[in-house]
PDB file of N, CA and C in Angstrom:
ATOM      1  N   MET A   1       0.891  -1.067  -0.062  1.00  0.00           N
ATOM      2  CA  MET A   1       0.054   0.103   0.087  1.00  0.00           C
ATOM      3  C   MET A   1       0.893   1.044  -0.079  1.00  0.00           C
ATOM      4  N   ILE A   2       0.316   2.292  -0.632  1.00  0.00           N
ATOM      5  CA  ILE A   2       1.138   3.563  -0.458  1.00  0.00           C
ATOM      6  C   ILE A   2       0.226   4.643  -0.118  1.00  0.00           C
ATOM      7  N   THR A   3       0.659   5.774   0.449  1.00  0.00           N
ATOM      8  CA  THR A   3      -0.127   6.741   0.963  1.00  0.00           C
ATOM      9  C   THR A   3      -0.271   7.759  -0.129  1.00  0.00           C
ATOM     10  N   TYR A   4      -1.350   8.535   0.233  1.00  0.00           N
ATOM     11  CA  TYR A   4      -1.853   9.582  -0.858  1.00  0.00           C
ATOM     12  C   TYR A   4      -0.509  10.502  -1.211  1.00  0.00           C
ATOM     13  N   ASP A   5       0.235  10.719   0.046  1.00  0.00           N
ATOM     14  CA  ASP A   5       1.502  11.526  -0.168  1.00  0.00           C
ATOM     15  C   ASP A   5       2.255  10.808  -1.442  1.00  0.00           C
ATOM     16  N   ASP A   6       2.514   9.449  -1.288  1.00  0.00           N
ATOM     17  CA  ASP A   6       3.216   9.030  -2.465  1.00  0.00           C
ATOM     18  C   ASP A   6       2.772   9.323  -3.638  1.00  0.00           C
ATOM     19  N   PHE A   7       1.290   9.194  -3.793  1.00  0.00           N
ATOM     20  CA  PHE A   7       0.630   9.302  -5.106  1.00  0.00           C
ATOM     21  C   PHE A   7       0.958  10.599  -5.687  1.00  0.00           C
ATOM     22  N   GLU A   8       0.766  11.589  -4.721  1.00  0.00           N
ATOM     23  CA  GLU A   8       1.024  13.049  -5.266  1.00  0.00           C
ATOM     24  C   GLU A   8       2.338  13.359  -5.714  1.00  0.00           C
ATOM     25  N   LYS A   9       3.529  12.362  -5.420  1.00  0.00           N
ATOM     26  CA  LYS A   9       4.776  12.487  -5.957  1.00  0.00           C
ATOM     27  C   LYS A   9       4.844  12.493  -7.524  1.00  0.00           C
ATOM     28  N   VAL A  10       3.975  11.383  -7.974  1.00  0.00           N
ATOM     29  CA  VAL A  10       4.016  11.231  -9.498  1.00  0.00           C
ATOM     30  C   VAL A  10       3.025  12.446  -9.916  1.00  0.00           C
ATOM     31  N   ASP A  11       3.741  12.845 -10.938  1.00  0.00           N
ATOM     32  CA  ASP A  11       3.049  14.061 -11.567  1.00  0.00           C
ATOM     33  C   ASP A  11       2.472  13.696 -12.933  1.00  0.00           C
ATOM     34  N   ILE A  12       1.293  13.399 -13.000  1.00  0.00           N
ATOM     35  CA  ILE A  12       0.607  13.175 -14.363  1.00  0.00           C
ATOM     36  C   ILE A  12      -0.165  14.146 -14.755  1.00  0.00           C
ATOM     37  N   ARG A  13       0.105  14.364 -16.216  1.00  0.00           N
ATOM     38  CA  ARG A  13      -0.531  15.633 -16.728  1.00  0.00           C
ATOM     39  C   ARG A  13      -1.094  15.160 -17.995  1.00  0.00           C
ATOM     40  N   VAL A  14      -2.044  15.958 -18.374  1.00  0.00           N
ATOM     41  CA  VAL A  14      -2.590  15.866 -19.928  1.00  0.00           C
ATOM     42  C   VAL A  14      -1.880  16.727 -20.875  1.00  0.00           C
ATOM     43  N   GLY A  15      -1.610  16.073 -21.875  1.00  0.00           N
ATOM     44  CA  GLY A  15      -0.889  16.858 -22.984  1.00  0.00           C
ATOM     45  C   GLY A  15      -1.423  16.536 -24.339  1.00  0.00           C
ATOM     46  N   ARG A  16      -1.287  17.322 -25.262  1.00  0.00           N
ATOM     47  CA  ARG A  16      -1.606  17.032 -26.662  1.00  0.00           C
ATOM     48  C   ARG A  16      -0.680  16.551 -27.753  1.00  0.00           C
ATOM     49  N   ILE A  17      -0.703  15.457 -28.393  1.00  0.00           N
ATOM     50  CA  ILE A  17       0.120  15.241 -29.217  1.00  0.00           C
ATOM     51  C   ILE A  17       0.243  15.953 -30.549  1.00  0.00           C
ATOM     52  N   THR A  18       1.546  16.560 -30.775  1.00  0.00           N
ATOM     53  CA  THR A  18       1.590  17.708 -32.057  1.00  0.00           C
ATOM     54  C   THR A  18       2.267  17.157 -33.086  1.00  0.00           C
ATOM     55  N   ARG A  19       3.135  15.930 -32.817  1.00  0.00           N
ATOM     56  CA  ARG A  19       3.663  15.613 -33.917  1.00  0.00           C
ATOM     57  C   ARG A  19       4.097  14.001 -33.492  1.00  0.00           C
ATOM     58  N   ALA A  20       3.988  13.180 -34.472  1.00  0.00           N
ATOM     59  CA  ALA A  20       4.446  11.696 -34.354  1.00  0.00           C
ATOM     60  C   ALA A  20       4.826  10.985 -35.554  1.00  0.00           C
ATOM     61  N   GLU A  21       5.975  10.212 -35.164  1.00  0.00           N
ATOM     62  CA  GLU A  21       6.677   9.704 -36.573  1.00  0.00           C
ATOM     63  C   GLU A  21       7.006   8.385 -36.435  1.00  0.00           C
ATOM     64  N   PRO A  22       7.242   7.508 -37.317  1.00  0.00           N
ATOM     65  CA  PRO A  22       7.665   6.160 -37.390  1.00  0.00           C
ATOM     66  C   PRO A  22       9.011   6.166 -36.285  1.00  0.00           C
ATOM     67  N   TYR A  23       9.306   5.093 -35.897  1.00  0.00           N
ATOM     68  CA  TYR A  23      10.677   4.944 -35.118  1.00  0.00           C
ATOM     69  C   TYR A  23      11.246   3.640 -35.481  1.00  0.00           C
ATOM     70  N   PRO A  24      11.818   3.438 -36.812  1.00  0.00           N
ATOM     71  CA  PRO A  24      12.440   2.352 -37.526  1.00  0.00           C
ATOM     72  C   PRO A  24      13.453   1.606 -36.681  1.00  0.00           C
ATOM     73  N   GLU A  25      14.118   2.689 -35.747  1.00  0.00           N
ATOM     74  CA  GLU A  25      15.281   2.005 -35.243  1.00  0.00           C
ATOM     75  C   GLU A  25      15.059   1.283 -33.738  1.00  0.00           C
ATOM     76  N   ALA A  26      13.925   1.214 -33.334  1.00  0.00           N
ATOM     77  CA  ALA A  26      13.427   0.735 -32.090  1.00  0.00           C
ATOM     78  C   ALA A  26      13.394  -0.574 -32.189  1.00  0.00           C
ATOM     79  N   ARG A  27      13.760  -1.558 -31.130  1.00  0.00           N
ATOM     80  CA  ARG A  27      13.911  -2.891 -31.113  1.00  0.00           C
ATOM     81  C   ARG A  27      12.529  -3.608 -31.446  1.00  0.00           C
ATOM     82  N   LYS A  28      11.413  -2.957 -30.873  1.00  0.00           N
ATOM     83  CA  LYS A  28       9.987  -3.178 -31.052  1.00  0.00           C
ATOM     84  C   LYS A  28       9.217  -2.294 -31.770  1.00  0.00           C
ATOM     85  N   PRO A  29       8.433  -2.407 -32.731  1.00  0.00           N
ATOM     86  CA  PRO A  29       7.661  -1.204 -33.287  1.00  0.00           C
ATOM     87  C   PRO A  29       7.138  -0.166 -32.600  1.00  0.00           C
ATOM     88  N   ALA A  30       7.528   0.977 -32.769  1.00  0.00           N
ATOM     89  CA  ALA A  30       7.299   2.118 -32.073  1.00  0.00           C
ATOM     90  C   ALA A  30       6.991   3.434 -32.904  1.00  0.00           C
ATOM     91  N   TYR A  31       6.716   4.611 -32.122  1.00  0.00           N
ATOM     92  CA  TYR A  31       6.591   5.815 -32.644  1.00  0.00           C
ATOM     93  C   TYR A  31       7.115   6.698 -31.998  1.00  0.00           C
ATOM     94  N   LYS A  32       7.897   7.876 -32.485  1.00  0.00           N
ATOM     95  CA  LYS A  32       8.394   8.965 -31.787  1.00  0.00           C
ATOM     96  C   LYS A  32       7.166  10.004 -31.565  1.00  0.00           C
ATOM     97  N   LEU A  33       7.096  10.532 -30.410  1.00  0.00           N
ATOM     98  CA  LEU A  33       6.045  11.484 -30.068  1.00  0.00           C
ATOM     99  C   LEU A  33       6.626  12.739 -29.498  1.00  0.00           C
ATOM    100  N   TRP A  34       5.835  13.757 -29.771  1.00  0.00           N
ATOM    101  CA  TRP A  34       6.254  15.358 -29.220  1.00  0.00           C
ATOM    102  C   TRP A  34       4.906  15.516 -28.505  1.00  0.00           C
ATOM    103  N   VAL A  35       4.574  15.825 -27.343  1.00  0.00           N
ATOM    104  CA  VAL A  35       3.427  16.089 -26.695  1.00  0.00           C
ATOM    105  C   VAL A  35       3.671  17.331 -26.167  1.00  0.00           C
ATOM    106  N   ASP A  36       2.755  18.166 -26.073  1.00  0.00           N
ATOM    107  CA  ASP A  36       2.490  19.714 -25.708  1.00  0.00           C
ATOM    108  C   ASP A  36       1.825  19.578 -24.337  1.00  0.00           C
ATOM    109  N   PHE A  37       2.548  19.993 -23.276  1.00  0.00           N
ATOM    110  CA  PHE A  37       1.736  20.288 -21.941  1.00  0.00           C
ATOM    111  C   PHE A  37       1.511  21.586 -21.603  1.00  0.00           C
ATOM    112  N   GLY A  38       1.871  22.542 -22.475  1.00  0.00           N
ATOM    113  CA  GLY A  38       1.583  23.979 -21.880  1.00  0.00           C
ATOM    114  C   GLY A  38       2.465  24.608 -21.080  1.00  0.00           C
ATOM    115  N   GLY A  39       2.116  25.623 -20.755  1.00  0.00           N
ATOM    116  CA  GLY A  39       2.840  26.274 -19.433  1.00  0.00           C
ATOM    117  C   GLY A  39       4.261  26.138 -19.026  1.00  0.00           C
ATOM    118  N   ASP A  40       4.761  25.880 -17.967  1.00  0.00           N
ATOM    119  CA  ASP A  40       5.933  25.837 -17.730  1.00  0.00           C
ATOM    120  C   ASP A  40       6.609  24.479 -18.278  1.00  0.00           C
ATOM    121  N   ILE A  41       5.676  23.514 -18.514  1.00  0.00           N
ATOM    122  CA  ILE A  41       6.373  22.009 -18.767  1.00  0.00           C
ATOM    123  C   ILE A  41       6.523  22.252 -20.378  1.00  0.00           C
ATOM    124  N   GLY A  42       5.865  22.780 -21.294  1.00  0.00           N
ATOM    125  CA  GLY A  42       6.096  22.845 -22.752  1.00  0.00           C
ATOM    126  C   GLY A  42       5.955  21.487 -23.391  1.00  0.00           C
ATOM    127  N   GLU A  43       6.724  21.338 -24.519  1.00  0.00           N
ATOM    128  CA  GLU A  43       6.534  20.266 -25.343  1.00  0.00           C
ATOM    129  C   GLU A  43       7.673  19.239 -25.001  1.00  0.00           C
ATOM    130  N   LYS A  44       7.289  17.932 -24.824  1.00  0.00           N
ATOM    131  CA  LYS A  44       8.395  16.909 -24.469  1.00  0.00           C
ATOM    132  C   LYS A  44       8.190  15.953 -25.351  1.00  0.00           C
ATOM    133  N   ARG A  45       9.330  15.026 -25.570  1.00  0.00           N
ATOM    134  CA  ARG A  45       9.602  13.932 -26.244  1.00  0.00           C
ATOM    135  C   ARG A  45       9.256  12.518 -25.734  1.00  0.00           C
ATOM    136  N   SER A  46       8.796  11.530 -26.429  1.00  0.00           N
ATOM    137  CA  SER A  46       8.822  10.364 -25.916  1.00  0.00           C
ATOM    138  C   SER A  46       8.679   9.310 -27.165  1.00  0.00           C
ATOM    139  N   SER A  47       9.019   8.237 -26.757  1.00  0.00           N
ATOM    140  CA  SER A  47       8.656   7.026 -27.704  1.00  0.00           C
ATOM    141  C   SER A  47       7.518   5.971 -26.805  1.00  0.00           C
ATOM    142  N   ALA A  48       7.025   5.498 -27.958  1.00  0.00           N
ATOM    143  CA  ALA A  48       5.766   4.600 -27.456  1.00  0.00           C
ATOM    144  C   ALA A  48       5.323   3.538 -28.606  1.00  0.00           C
ATOM    145  N   GLN A  49       5.365   2.222 -28.038  1.00  0.00           N
ATOM    146  CA  GLN A  49       5.211   1.213 -28.553  1.00  0.00           C
ATOM    147  C   GLN A  49       3.821   0.776 -28.902  1.00  0.00           C
ATOM    148  N   ILE A  50       2.952   1.758 -29.683  1.00  0.00           N
ATOM    149  CA  ILE A  50       1.484   1.611 -29.938  1.00  0.00           C
ATOM    150  C   ILE A  50       1.151   1.710 -31.405  1.00  0.00           C
ATOM    151  N   THR A  51       1.944   0.798 -32.112  1.00  0.00           N
ATOM    152  CA  THR A  51       1.820   0.822 -33.544  1.00  0.00           C
ATOM    153  C   THR A  51       0.480   0.144 -33.901  1.00  0.00           C
ATOM    154  N   LYS A  52      -0.096  -0.697 -33.108  1.00  0.00           N
ATOM    155  CA  LYS A  52      -0.937  -1.635 -33.279  1.00  0.00           C
ATOM    156  C   LYS A  52      -2.379  -1.119 -33.557  1.00  0.00           C
ATOM    157  N   HIS A  53      -2.464  -0.169 -32.718  1.00  0.00           N
ATOM    158  CA  HIS A  53      -3.911   0.826 -32.684  1.00  0.00           C
ATOM    159  C   HIS A  53      -3.965   1.994 -33.306  1.00  0.00           C
ATOM    160  N   TYR A  54      -2.743   2.595 -33.615  1.00  0.00           N
ATOM    161  CA  TYR A  54      -2.591   4.199 -33.898  1.00  0.00           C
ATOM    162  C   TYR A  54      -1.579   4.197 -35.110  1.00  0.00           C
ATOM    163  N   THR A  55      -1.905   5.106 -35.858  1.00  0.00           N
ATOM    164  CA  THR A  55      -0.895   5.787 -36.930  1.00  0.00           C
ATOM    165  C   THR A  55      -0.456   7.041 -36.522  1.00  0.00           C
ATOM    166  N   PRO A  56       0.553   7.351 -36.928  1.00  0.00           N
ATOM    167  CA  PRO A  56       1.289   8.803 -36.700  1.00  0.00           C
ATOM    168  C   PRO A  56       0.046   9.758 -36.955  1.00  0.00           C
ATOM    169  N   GLU A  57      -0.476   9.670 -38.210  1.00  0.00           N
ATOM    170  CA  GLU A  57      -1.598  10.825 -38.542  1.00  0.00           C
ATOM    171  C   GLU A  57      -2.530  10.998 -37.552  1.00  0.00           C
ATOM    172  N   GLY A  58      -3.082   9.774 -37.142  1.00  0.00           N
ATOM    173  CA  GLY A  58      -4.222   9.584 -36.293  1.00  0.00           C
ATOM    174  C   GLY A  58      -3.846   9.949 -34.738  1.00  0.00           C
ATOM    175  N   LEU A  59      -2.675  10.015 -34.550  1.00  0.00           N
ATOM    176  CA  LEU A  59      -2.056  10.600 -33.224  1.00  0.00           C
ATOM    177  C   LEU A  59      -2.244  12.095 -32.980  1.00  0.00           C
ATOM    178  N   ILE A  60      -2.001  12.719 -34.131  1.00  0.00           N
ATOM    179  CA  ILE A  60      -1.820  14.287 -34.098  1.00  0.00           C
ATOM    180  C   ILE A  60      -3.244  14.929 -33.515  1.00  0.00           C
ATOM    181  N   GLY A  61      -3.140  15.777 -32.305  1.00  0.00           N
ATOM    182  CA  GLY A  61      -4.261  16.215 -31.750  1.00  0.00           C
ATOM    183  C   GLY A  61      -4.922  15.393 -30.443  1.00  0.00           C
ATOM    184  N   ARG A  62      -4.578  14.255 -30.420  1.00  0.00           N
ATOM    185  CA  ARG A  62      -5.054  13.274 -29.179  1.00  0.00           C
ATOM    186  C   ARG A  62      -4.394  13.911 -27.900  1.00  0.00           C
ATOM    187  N   GLN A  63      -5.549  14.027 -26.900  1.00  0.00           N
ATOM    188  CA  GLN A  63      -4.914  14.086 -25.648  1.00  0.00           C
ATOM    189  C   GLN A  63      -4.385  12.945 -25.141  1.00  0.00           C
ATOM    190  N   VAL A  64      -3.349  12.851 -24.226  1.00  0.00           N
ATOM    191  CA  VAL A  64      -2.931  11.826 -23.646  1.00  0.00           C
ATOM    192  C   VAL A  64      -2.390  12.182 -22.079  1.00  0.00           C
ATOM    193  N   LEU A  65      -2.365  11.283 -21.246  1.00  0.00           N
ATOM    194  CA  LEU A  65      -1.893  11.201 -19.959  1.00  0.00           C
ATOM    195  C   LEU A  65      -0.394  11.115 -19.688  1.00  0.00           C
ATOM    196  N   ALA A  66       0.614  11.675 -19.252  1.00  0.00           N
ATOM    197  CA  ALA A  66       1.909  11.167 -18.994  1.00  0.00           C
ATOM    198  C   ALA A  66       2.443  11.587 -17.852  1.00  0.00           C
ATOM    199  N   VAL A  67       3.321  10.738 -17.408  1.00  0.00           N
ATOM    200  CA  VAL A  67       4.228  11.342 -16.244  1.00  0.00           C
ATOM    201  C   VAL A  67       5.134  11.833 -16.618  1.00  0.00           C
ATOM    202  N   VAL A  68       5.300  13.332 -16.155  1.00  0.00           N
ATOM    203  CA  VAL A  68       6.040  14.290 -16.581  1.00  0.00           C
ATOM    204  C   VAL A  68       7.189  14.559 -15.474  1.00  0.00           C
ATOM    205  N   ASN A  69       7.302  13.958 -14.364  1.00  0.00           N
ATOM    206  CA  ASN A  69       8.659  14.176 -13.612  1.00  0.00           C
ATOM    207  C   ASN A  69       9.327  12.836 -13.241  1.00  0.00           C
ATOM    208  N   PHE A  70       9.502  11.943 -14.069  1.00  0.00           N
ATOM    209  CA  PHE A  70      10.762  10.931 -14.336  1.00  0.00           C
ATOM    210  C   PHE A  70      11.665  11.597 -14.970  1.00  0.00           C
ATOM    211  N   PRO A  71      12.856  11.097 -14.615  1.00  0.00           N
ATOM    212  CA  PRO A  71      14.241  11.645 -15.306  1.00  0.00           C
ATOM    213  C   PRO A  71      14.064  11.282 -16.740  1.00  0.00           C
ATOM    214  N   PRO A  72      14.754  12.016 -17.816  1.00  0.00           N
ATOM    215  CA  PRO A  72      14.604  11.677 -19.057  1.00  0.00           C
ATOM    216  C   PRO A  72      15.630  10.228 -19.017  1.00  0.00           C
ATOM    217  N   ARG A  73      15.009   9.313 -20.164  1.00  0.00           N
ATOM    218  CA  ARG A  73      15.747   7.983 -20.264  1.00  0.00           C
ATOM    219  C   ARG A  73      15.914   7.990 -21.728  1.00  0.00           C
ATOM    220  N   GLN A  74      17.107   7.458 -22.065  1.00  0.00           N
ATOM    221  CA  GLN A  74      17.580   7.021 -23.324  1.00  0.00           C
ATOM    222  C   GLN A  74      16.894   5.844 -23.931  1.00  0.00           C
ATOM    223  N   ILE A  75      16.120   6.059 -24.941  1.00  0.00           N
ATOM    224  CA  ILE A  75      15.385   4.874 -25.633  1.00  0.00           C
ATOM    225  C   ILE A  75      15.900   4.559 -27.124  1.00  0.00           C
ATOM    226  N   GLY A  76      16.919   3.956 -27.012  1.00  0.00           N
ATOM    227  CA  GLY A  76      17.662   3.890 -28.592  1.00  0.00           C
ATOM    228  C   GLY A  76      18.149   5.215 -28.803  1.00  0.00           C
ATOM    229  N   LYS A  77      17.605   5.712 -29.899  1.00  0.00           N
ATOM    230  CA  LYS A  77      18.407   7.107 -30.316  1.00  0.00           C
ATOM    231  C   LYS A  77      17.524   8.140 -29.619  1.00  0.00           C
ATOM    232  N   VAL A  78      16.441   8.094 -29.130  1.00  0.00           N
ATOM    233  CA  VAL A  78      15.624   9.131 -28.667  1.00  0.00           C
ATOM    234  C   VAL A  78      15.780   9.292 -27.146  1.00  0.00           C
ATOM    235  N   MET A  79      15.771  10.468 -26.698  1.00  0.00           N
ATOM    236  CA  MET A  79      15.843  10.791 -25.279  1.00  0.00           C
ATOM    237  C   MET A  79      14.338  11.046 -24.829  1.00  0.00           C
ATOM    238  N   SER A  80      13.753   9.954 -23.988  1.00  0.00           N
ATOM    239  CA  SER A  80      12.523  10.147 -23.951  1.00  0.00           C
ATOM    240  C   SER A  80      12.293  10.877 -22.527  1.00  0.00           C
ATOM    241  N   GLU A  81      11.420  12.055 -22.640  1.00  0.00           N
ATOM    242  CA  GLU A  81      11.225  12.943 -21.435  1.00  0.00           C
ATOM    243  C   GLU A  81      10.258  12.702 -20.642  1.00  0.00           C
ATOM    244  N   VAL A  82       9.223  12.055 -21.009  1.00  0.00           N
ATOM    245  CA  VAL A  82       7.926  11.657 -20.298  1.00  0.00           C
ATOM    246  C   VAL A  82       7.599  10.501 -20.598  1.00  0.00           C
ATOM    247  N   LEU A  83       6.791   9.695 -19.723  1.00  0.00           N
ATOM    248  CA  LEU A  83       6.035   8.359 -20.011  1.00  0.00           C
ATOM    249  C   LEU A  83       4.631   8.681 -20.439  1.00  0.00           C
ATOM    250  N   VAL A  84       4.361   8.194 -21.584  1.00  0.00           N
ATOM    251  CA  VAL A  84       3.098   8.384 -22.108  1.00  0.00           C
ATOM    252  C   VAL A  84       2.186   7.095 -21.559  1.00  0.00           C
ATOM    253  N   LEU A  85       0.855   7.244 -20.779  1.00  0.00           N
ATOM    254  CA  LEU A  85       0.405   6.314 -20.273  1.00  0.00           C
ATOM    255  C   LEU A  85      -0.480   5.486 -21.133  1.00  0.00           C
ATOM    256  N   GLY A  86      -0.540   4.077 -20.930  1.00  0.00           N
ATOM    257  CA  GLY A  86      -1.560   3.249 -21.612  1.00  0.00           C
ATOM    258  C   GLY A  86      -1.997   2.127 -20.912  1.00  0.00           C
ATOM    259  N   MET A  87      -2.814   1.423 -21.618  1.00  0.00           N
ATOM    260  CA  MET A  87      -3.318   0.106 -20.666  1.00  0.00           C
ATOM    261  C   MET A  87      -3.286  -0.852 -21.934  1.00  0.00           C
ATOM    262  N   PRO A  88      -3.176  -2.352 -21.453  1.00  0.00           N
ATOM    263  CA  PRO A  88      -3.127  -3.269 -22.486  1.00  0.00           C
ATOM    264  C   PRO A  88      -4.565  -3.652 -22.682  1.00  0.00           C
ATOM    265  N   ASP A  89      -4.702  -4.168 -23.894  1.00  0.00           N
ATOM    266  CA  ASP A  89      -5.956  -4.624 -24.517  1.00  0.00           C
ATOM    267  C   ASP A  89      -6.156  -6.177 -24.221  1.00  0.00           C
ATOM    268  N   ALA A  90      -6.907  -6.973 -24.581  1.00  0.00           N
ATOM    269  CA  ALA A  90      -6.931  -8.402 -24.221  1.00  0.00           C
ATOM    270  C   ALA A  90      -5.776  -9.174 -25.119  1.00  0.00           C
ATOM    271  N   ASP A  91      -5.028  -8.447 -25.966  1.00  0.00           N
ATOM    272  CA  ASP A  91      -3.937  -9.144 -26.615  1.00  0.00           C
ATOM    273  C   ASP A  91      -2.779  -8.394 -26.110  1.00  0.00           C
ATOM    274  N   GLY A  92      -2.675  -7.833 -25.282  1.00  0.00           N
ATOM    275  CA  GLY A  92      -1.592  -7.156 -24.699  1.00  0.00           C
ATOM    276  C   GLY A  92      -0.999  -5.797 -25.157  1.00  0.00           C
ATOM    277  N   GLU A  93      -1.652  -5.523 -26.262  1.00  0.00           N
ATOM    278  CA  GLU A  93      -1.270  -4.276 -27.250  1.00  0.00           C
ATOM    279  C   GLU A  93      -1.686  -2.973 -26.374  1.00  0.00           C
ATOM    280  N   VAL A  94      -0.867  -2.018 -26.320  1.00  0.00           N
ATOM    281  CA  VAL A  94      -1.170  -0.592 -25.686  1.00  0.00           C
ATOM    282  C   VAL A  94      -2.293   0.040 -26.153  1.00  0.00           C
ATOM    283  N   VAL A  95      -3.201   0.513 -25.446  1.00  0.00           N
ATOM    284  CA  VAL A  95      -4.180   1.441 -25.732  1.00  0.00           C
ATOM    285  C   VAL A  95      -4.185   2.788 -24.693  1.00  0.00           C
ATOM    286  N   LEU A  96      -3.919   3.914 -25.337  1.00  0.00           N
ATOM    287  CA  LEU A  96      -3.448   5.215 -24.587  1.00  0.00           C
ATOM    288  C   LEU A  96      -4.520   5.430 -23.620  1.00  0.00           C
ATOM    289  N   VAL A  97      -3.955   6.061 -22.689  1.00  0.00           N
ATOM    290  CA  VAL A  97      -4.936   6.696 -21.702  1.00  0.00           C
ATOM    291  C   VAL A  97      -5.175   8.083 -21.849  1.00  0.00           C
ATOM    292  N   GLY A  98      -6.168   8.650 -21.665  1.00  0.00           N
ATOM    293  CA  GLY A  98      -6.620  10.147 -21.986  1.00  0.00           C
ATOM    294  C   GLY A  98      -7.982  10.219 -21.313  1.00  0.00           C
ATOM    295  N   PRO A  99      -8.420  11.812 -21.223  1.00  0.00           N
ATOM    296  CA  PRO A  99      -9.348  12.386 -20.649  1.00  0.00           C
ATOM    297  C   PRO A  99     -10.683  11.846 -21.571  1.00  0.00           C
ATOM    298  N   GLY A 100     -11.650  11.864 -21.132  1.00  0.00           N
ATOM    299  CA  GLY A 100     -13.011  11.469 -21.969  1.00  0.00           C
ATOM    300  C   GLY A 100     -13.503  12.559 -22.570  1.00  0.00           C
ATOM    301  N   HIS A 101     -13.145  13.820 -22.223  1.00  0.00           N
ATOM    302  CA  HIS A 101     -13.554  14.868 -22.834  1.00  0.00           C
ATOM    303  C   HIS A 101     -12.372  15.788 -23.120  1.00  0.00           C
ATOM    304  N   ASP A 102     -12.313  16.661 -23.864  1.00  0.00           N
ATOM    305  CA  ASP A 102     -11.351  17.661 -24.151  1.00  0.00           C
ATOM    306  C   ASP A 102     -11.167  18.526 -23.087  1.00  0.00           C
ATOM    307  N   VAL A 103      -9.871  18.586 -22.193  1.00  0.00           N
ATOM    308  CA  VAL A 103      -9.504  19.169 -21.360  1.00  0.00           C
ATOM    309  C   VAL A 103      -8.580  20.108 -21.505  1.00  0.00           C
ATOM    310  N   PRO A 104      -8.202  21.319 -20.911  1.00  0.00           N
ATOM    311  CA  PRO A 104      -7.159  22.147 -20.961  1.00  0.00           C
ATOM    312  C   PRO A 104      -5.693  21.278 -20.809  1.00  0.00           C
ATOM    313  N   ILE A 105      -4.679  21.567 -21.685  1.00  0.00           N
ATOM    314  CA  ILE A 105      -3.522  20.999 -21.775  1.00  0.00           C
ATOM    315  C   ILE A 105      -2.698  21.419 -20.519  1.00  0.00           C
ATOM    316  N   GLY A 106      -1.930  20.468 -19.842  1.00  0.00           N
ATOM    317  CA  GLY A 106      -0.983  20.593 -18.509  1.00  0.00           C
ATOM    318  C   GLY A 106      -1.748  20.449 -17.584  1.00  0.00           C
ATOM    319  N   GLY A 107      -3.125  20.129 -17.317  1.00  0.00           N
ATOM    320  CA  GLY A 107      -3.935  19.748 -16.176  1.00  0.00           C
ATOM    321  C   GLY A 107      -3.289  18.567 -15.487  1.00  0.00           C
ATOM    322  N   LYS A 108      -3.312  18.405 -14.088  1.00  0.00           N
ATOM    323  CA  LYS A 108      -2.786  17.488 -13.434  1.00  0.00           C
ATOM    324  C   LYS A 108      -3.700  16.575 -12.881  1.00  0.00           C
ATOM    325  N   LEU A 109      -3.392  15.389 -12.950  1.00  0.00           N
ATOM    326  CA  LEU A 109      -4.452  14.109 -12.638  1.00  0.00           C
ATOM    327  C   LEU A 109      -4.388  14.141 -11.128  1.00  0.00           C
ATOM    328  N   PHE A 110      -5.758  14.212 -10.299  1.00  0.00           N
ATOM    329  CA  PHE A 110      -5.954  13.942  -9.033  1.00  0.00           C
ATOM    330  C   PHE A 110      -7.104  13.122  -8.745  1.00  0.00           C
TER     331      PHE A 110
END
């Protein structure tokens, strides 16, 4: 079990995907993502293994949730600055997590 104080340490924000490109150098099929969180956070890069359900074109403009306070991590040739969140479908493929309605970018999950 964790405490609510522990939960508050994880900074999960909503952002909007502004750019998405194939990432052919990745070991598993993936896309390079640019996600705008607005305000002080701005635009951050990530990579995500989400090729089963999404195309780069279909990702543009989509709102997603991401952890924004992990340290950057090198994923192959991409420096991933945020962890975009998803859930597995019945086959274990990633389905992105986002708000059910359009919300202002940068909003913190609570």
